């Protein structure tokens, strides 16, 4: 991670969600959005090109799902922290995301302030689970 800013890359095919995330993180001077992808198949290459520190990735993307994207990004650029973002908070899906290399998981129902908190946490190398996701999922992800 850069000393000055967290370089954030967004992967989501919903324009409203992306613009909402962008608006939320722009209020945090330590985070800078460095790119965006709408399809899963292009994310790993674009994250590497953008020299991102953190990828916020929707679990449901056209072309390649978020779990596959996470695995691909972590293979190509293992230093990038991946924060999965989804409507689905089932323990099986969350555990799958963590098993594929995600550092954190946040539902789209989370309060706005939690997004920046999660981005900072995963950028520091910490695991982050959003409100309502049980810590026990960390054990089942191994």
C-alpha atoms as a PDB file:
ATOM      1  CA  UNK A   1       0.000   0.000   0.000  1.00  0.00           C
ATOM      2  CA  UNK A   2       1.209   3.474  -0.814  1.00  0.00           C
ATOM      3  CA  UNK A   3       2.079   5.770   2.107  1.00  0.00           C
ATOM      4  CA  UNK A   4      -0.181   8.526   0.855  1.00  0.00           C
ATOM      5  CA  UNK A   5      -3.373   6.961  -0.470  1.00  0.00           C
ATOM      6  CA  UNK A   6      -5.083   3.625  -0.765  1.00  0.00           C
ATOM      7  CA  UNK A   7      -5.433   2.945  -4.496  1.00  0.00           C
ATOM      8  CA  UNK A   8      -8.914   1.453  -4.860  1.00  0.00           C
ATOM      9  CA  UNK A   9     -10.205  -0.500  -7.846  1.00  0.00           C
ATOM     10  CA  UNK A  10     -13.937  -1.179  -8.258  1.00  0.00           C
ATOM     11  CA  UNK A  11     -15.469  -4.209  -9.974  1.00  0.00           C
ATOM     12  CA  UNK A  12     -19.246  -4.022 -10.277  1.00  0.00           C
ATOM     13  CA  UNK A  13     -21.551  -4.009 -13.276  1.00  0.00           C
ATOM     14  CA  UNK A  14     -24.148  -1.746 -11.660  1.00  0.00           C
ATOM     15  CA  UNK A  15     -23.462   1.909 -12.469  1.00  0.00           C
ATOM     16  CA  UNK A  16     -25.503   3.181  -9.518  1.00  0.00           C
ATOM     17  CA  UNK A  17     -23.572   0.997  -7.063  1.00  0.00           C
ATOM     18  CA  UNK A  18     -20.235   2.129  -8.495  1.00  0.00           C
ATOM     19  CA  UNK A  19     -21.183   5.792  -8.357  1.00  0.00           C
ATOM     20  CA  UNK A  20     -22.442   5.326  -4.795  1.00  0.00           C
ATOM     21  CA  UNK A  21     -19.178   3.700  -3.723  1.00  0.00           C
ATOM     22  CA  UNK A  22     -17.190   6.396  -5.494  1.00  0.00           C
ATOM     23  CA  UNK A  23     -19.158   9.145  -3.710  1.00  0.00           C
ATOM     24  CA  UNK A  24     -18.667   7.475  -0.330  1.00  0.00           C
ATOM     25  CA  UNK A  25     -14.934   6.934  -0.664  1.00  0.00           C
ATOM     26  CA  UNK A  26     -14.223  10.373  -2.146  1.00  0.00           C
ATOM     27  CA  UNK A  27     -15.125  11.782   1.274  1.00  0.00           C
ATOM     28  CA  UNK A  28     -12.100   9.882   2.662  1.00  0.00           C
ATOM     29  CA  UNK A  29      -8.875  11.707   1.717  1.00  0.00           C
ATOM     30  CA  UNK A  30      -6.852   8.506   2.170  1.00  0.00           C
ATOM     31  CA  UNK A  31      -8.688   6.602  -0.605  1.00  0.00           C
ATOM     32  CA  UNK A  32      -8.383   7.196  -4.345  1.00  0.00           C
ATOM     33  CA  UNK A  33     -10.378   5.290  -6.975  1.00  0.00           C
ATOM     34  CA  UNK A  34      -7.895   4.236  -9.680  1.00  0.00           C
ATOM     35  CA  UNK A  35     -10.156   2.210 -11.966  1.00  0.00           C
ATOM     36  CA  UNK A  36     -13.293   0.238 -12.575  1.00  0.00           C
ATOM     37  CA  UNK A  37     -14.405  -2.880 -14.440  1.00  0.00           C
ATOM     38  CA  UNK A  38     -17.903  -4.017 -15.344  1.00  0.00           C
ATOM     39  CA  UNK A  39     -16.999  -7.596 -16.280  1.00  0.00           C
ATOM     40  CA  UNK A  40     -15.101 -10.151 -14.275  1.00  0.00           C
ATOM     41  CA  UNK A  41     -12.848 -11.358 -17.075  1.00  0.00           C
ATOM     42  CA  UNK A  42     -10.904  -8.085 -17.288  1.00  0.00           C
ATOM     43  CA  UNK A  43     -10.427  -7.375 -13.569  1.00  0.00           C
ATOM     44  CA  UNK A  44      -7.126  -9.149 -12.810  1.00  0.00           C
ATOM     45  CA  UNK A  45      -5.229  -7.453 -15.640  1.00  0.00           C
ATOM     46  CA  UNK A  46      -6.732  -4.026 -14.978  1.00  0.00           C
ATOM     47  CA  UNK A  47      -6.084  -4.221 -11.208  1.00  0.00           C
ATOM     48  CA  UNK A  48      -2.422  -4.965 -11.942  1.00  0.00           C
ATOM     49  CA  UNK A  49      -2.189  -2.133 -14.503  1.00  0.00           C
ATOM     50  CA  UNK A  50      -3.775   0.344 -12.072  1.00  0.00           C
ATOM     51  CA  UNK A  51      -1.380  -0.712  -9.279  1.00  0.00           C
ATOM     52  CA  UNK A  52      -4.340  -1.025  -6.923  1.00  0.00           C
ATOM     53  CA  UNK A  53      -3.925  -1.708  -3.219  1.00  0.00           C
ATOM     54  CA  UNK A  54      -7.517  -2.818  -2.676  1.00  0.00           C
ATOM     55  CA  UNK A  55     -10.146  -4.303  -4.981  1.00  0.00           C
ATOM     56  CA  UNK A  56     -13.801  -3.932  -4.020  1.00  0.00           C
ATOM     57  CA  UNK A  57     -15.496  -6.670  -6.023  1.00  0.00           C
ATOM     58  CA  UNK A  58     -19.126  -7.620  -6.472  1.00  0.00           C
ATOM     59  CA  UNK A  59     -19.653 -11.353  -6.092  1.00  0.00           C
ATOM     60  CA  UNK A  60     -21.912 -11.418  -9.158  1.00  0.00           C
ATOM     61  CA  UNK A  61     -20.200 -10.167 -12.306  1.00  0.00           C
ATOM     62  CA  UNK A  62     -20.766 -11.018 -15.958  1.00  0.00           C
ATOM     63  CA  UNK A  63     -18.029 -13.045 -17.635  1.00  0.00           C
ATOM     64  CA  UNK A  64     -16.489 -14.398 -14.442  1.00  0.00           C
ATOM     65  CA  UNK A  65     -18.036 -14.496 -10.985  1.00  0.00           C
ATOM     66  CA  UNK A  66     -16.512 -12.678  -8.024  1.00  0.00           C
ATOM     67  CA  UNK A  67     -15.029 -15.826  -6.485  1.00  0.00           C
ATOM     68  CA  UNK A  68     -13.162 -16.585  -9.709  1.00  0.00           C
ATOM     69  CA  UNK A  69     -12.108 -12.933  -9.981  1.00  0.00           C
ATOM     70  CA  UNK A  70     -10.779 -13.014  -6.430  1.00  0.00           C
ATOM     71  CA  UNK A  71      -8.747 -16.162  -7.100  1.00  0.00           C
ATOM     72  CA  UNK A  72      -7.405 -14.707 -10.360  1.00  0.00           C
ATOM     73  CA  UNK A  73      -6.422 -11.376  -8.767  1.00  0.00           C
ATOM     74  CA  UNK A  74      -4.720 -13.078  -5.817  1.00  0.00           C
ATOM     75  CA  UNK A  75      -2.758 -15.324  -8.227  1.00  0.00           C
ATOM     76  CA  UNK A  76      -1.635 -12.428 -10.433  1.00  0.00           C
ATOM     77  CA  UNK A  77      -1.161  -9.750  -7.734  1.00  0.00           C
ATOM     78  CA  UNK A  78      -1.117 -11.405  -4.289  1.00  0.00           C
ATOM     79  CA  UNK A  79      -0.387  -8.084  -2.577  1.00  0.00           C
ATOM     80  CA  UNK A  80      -3.809  -6.696  -3.550  1.00  0.00           C
ATOM     81  CA  UNK A  81      -6.399  -6.978  -0.788  1.00  0.00           C
ATOM     82  CA  UNK A  82      -9.825  -8.053  -2.007  1.00  0.00           C
ATOM     83  CA  UNK A  83     -13.006  -6.866  -0.305  1.00  0.00           C
ATOM     84  CA  UNK A  84     -16.027  -8.743  -1.607  1.00  0.00           C
ATOM     85  CA  UNK A  85     -19.321  -6.879  -1.794  1.00  0.00           C
ATOM     86  CA  UNK A  86     -22.622  -8.700  -2.197  1.00  0.00           C
ATOM     87  CA  UNK A  87     -26.285  -8.908  -1.312  1.00  0.00           C
ATOM     88  CA  UNK A  88     -25.653 -12.533  -0.326  1.00  0.00           C
ATOM     89  CA  UNK A  89     -24.371 -13.102   3.203  1.00  0.00           C
ATOM     90  CA  UNK A  90     -24.755 -16.881   3.364  1.00  0.00           C
ATOM     91  CA  UNK A  91     -21.978 -18.532   5.329  1.00  0.00           C
ATOM     92  CA  UNK A  92     -21.171 -20.810   2.371  1.00  0.00           C
ATOM     93  CA  UNK A  93     -20.650 -17.865  -0.007  1.00  0.00           C
ATOM     94  CA  UNK A  94     -18.652 -15.821   2.515  1.00  0.00           C
ATOM     95  CA  UNK A  95     -16.460 -18.829   3.346  1.00  0.00           C
ATOM     96  CA  UNK A  96     -15.948 -19.424  -0.384  1.00  0.00           C
ATOM     97  CA  UNK A  97     -14.835 -15.830  -0.889  1.00  0.00           C
ATOM     98  CA  UNK A  98     -12.360 -16.039   1.999  1.00  0.00           C
ATOM     99  CA  UNK A  99     -11.083 -19.422   0.795  1.00  0.00           C
ATOM    100  CA  UNK A 100     -10.437 -17.854  -2.630  1.00  0.00           C
ATOM    101  CA  UNK A 101      -8.276 -15.135  -1.103  1.00  0.00           C
ATOM    102  CA  UNK A 102     -10.665 -12.358  -0.083  1.00  0.00           C
ATOM    103  CA  UNK A 103      -9.529 -10.329   2.910  1.00  0.00           C
ATOM    104  CA  UNK A 104     -13.004  -9.125   3.716  1.00  0.00           C
ATOM    105  CA  UNK A 105     -16.682  -9.417   2.995  1.00  0.00           C
ATOM    106  CA  UNK A 106     -19.307  -6.717   3.221  1.00  0.00           C
ATOM    107  CA  UNK A 107     -22.983  -6.845   2.314  1.00  0.00           C
ATOM    108  CA  UNK A 108     -24.525  -4.118   0.188  1.00  0.00           C
ATOM    109  CA  UNK A 109     -26.898  -3.504   3.095  1.00  0.00           C
ATOM    110  CA  UNK A 110     -24.016  -2.224   5.256  1.00  0.00           C
ATOM    111  CA  UNK A 111     -24.077   1.339   6.513  1.00  0.00           C
ATOM    112  CA  UNK A 112     -22.068   3.744   4.392  1.00  0.00           C
ATOM    113  CA  UNK A 113     -19.422   4.457   7.030  1.00  0.00           C
ATOM    114  CA  UNK A 114     -18.581   0.763   7.205  1.00  0.00           C
ATOM    115  CA  UNK A 115     -17.297   0.699   3.628  1.00  0.00           C
ATOM    116  CA  UNK A 116     -14.333   3.019   4.278  1.00  0.00           C
ATOM    117  CA  UNK A 117     -13.633   1.248   7.563  1.00  0.00           C
ATOM    118  CA  UNK A 118     -13.507  -2.092   5.708  1.00  0.00           C
ATOM    119  CA  UNK A 119     -11.269  -0.693   2.941  1.00  0.00           C
ATOM    120  CA  UNK A 120      -8.793   0.649   5.506  1.00  0.00           C
ATOM    121  CA  UNK A 121      -8.805  -2.636   7.439  1.00  0.00           C
ATOM    122  CA  UNK A 122      -8.067  -4.873   4.450  1.00  0.00           C
ATOM    123  CA  UNK A 123      -5.457  -2.385   3.160  1.00  0.00           C
ATOM    124  CA  UNK A 124      -3.644  -2.861   6.498  1.00  0.00           C
ATOM    125  CA  UNK A 125      -3.665  -6.612   5.977  1.00  0.00           C
ATOM    126  CA  UNK A 126      -6.519  -7.339   8.381  1.00  0.00           C
ATOM    127  CA  UNK A 127      -9.536  -9.561   7.815  1.00  0.00           C
ATOM    128  CA  UNK A 128     -12.851  -7.728   7.827  1.00  0.00           C
ATOM    129  CA  UNK A 129     -16.336  -9.161   8.107  1.00  0.00           C
ATOM    130  CA  UNK A 130     -19.287  -6.825   7.883  1.00  0.00           C
ATOM    131  CA  UNK A 131     -22.138  -6.530  10.342  1.00  0.00           C
ATOM    132  CA  UNK A 132     -24.184  -9.707  10.614  1.00  0.00           C
ATOM    133  CA  UNK A 133     -21.498 -12.034   9.242  1.00  0.00           C
ATOM    134  CA  UNK A 134     -20.485 -14.450  12.006  1.00  0.00           C
ATOM    135  CA  UNK A 135     -16.794 -14.714  12.915  1.00  0.00           C
ATOM    136  CA  UNK A 136     -17.177 -18.508  12.795  1.00  0.00           C
ATOM    137  CA  UNK A 137     -17.072 -18.214   8.991  1.00  0.00           C
ATOM    138  CA  UNK A 138     -13.308 -17.603   9.301  1.00  0.00           C
ATOM    139  CA  UNK A 139     -12.856 -21.165  10.562  1.00  0.00           C
ATOM    140  CA  UNK A 140     -14.957 -22.714   7.795  1.00  0.00           C
ATOM    141  CA  UNK A 141     -13.008 -20.800   5.128  1.00  0.00           C
ATOM    142  CA  UNK A 142      -9.754 -22.634   5.819  1.00  0.00           C
END
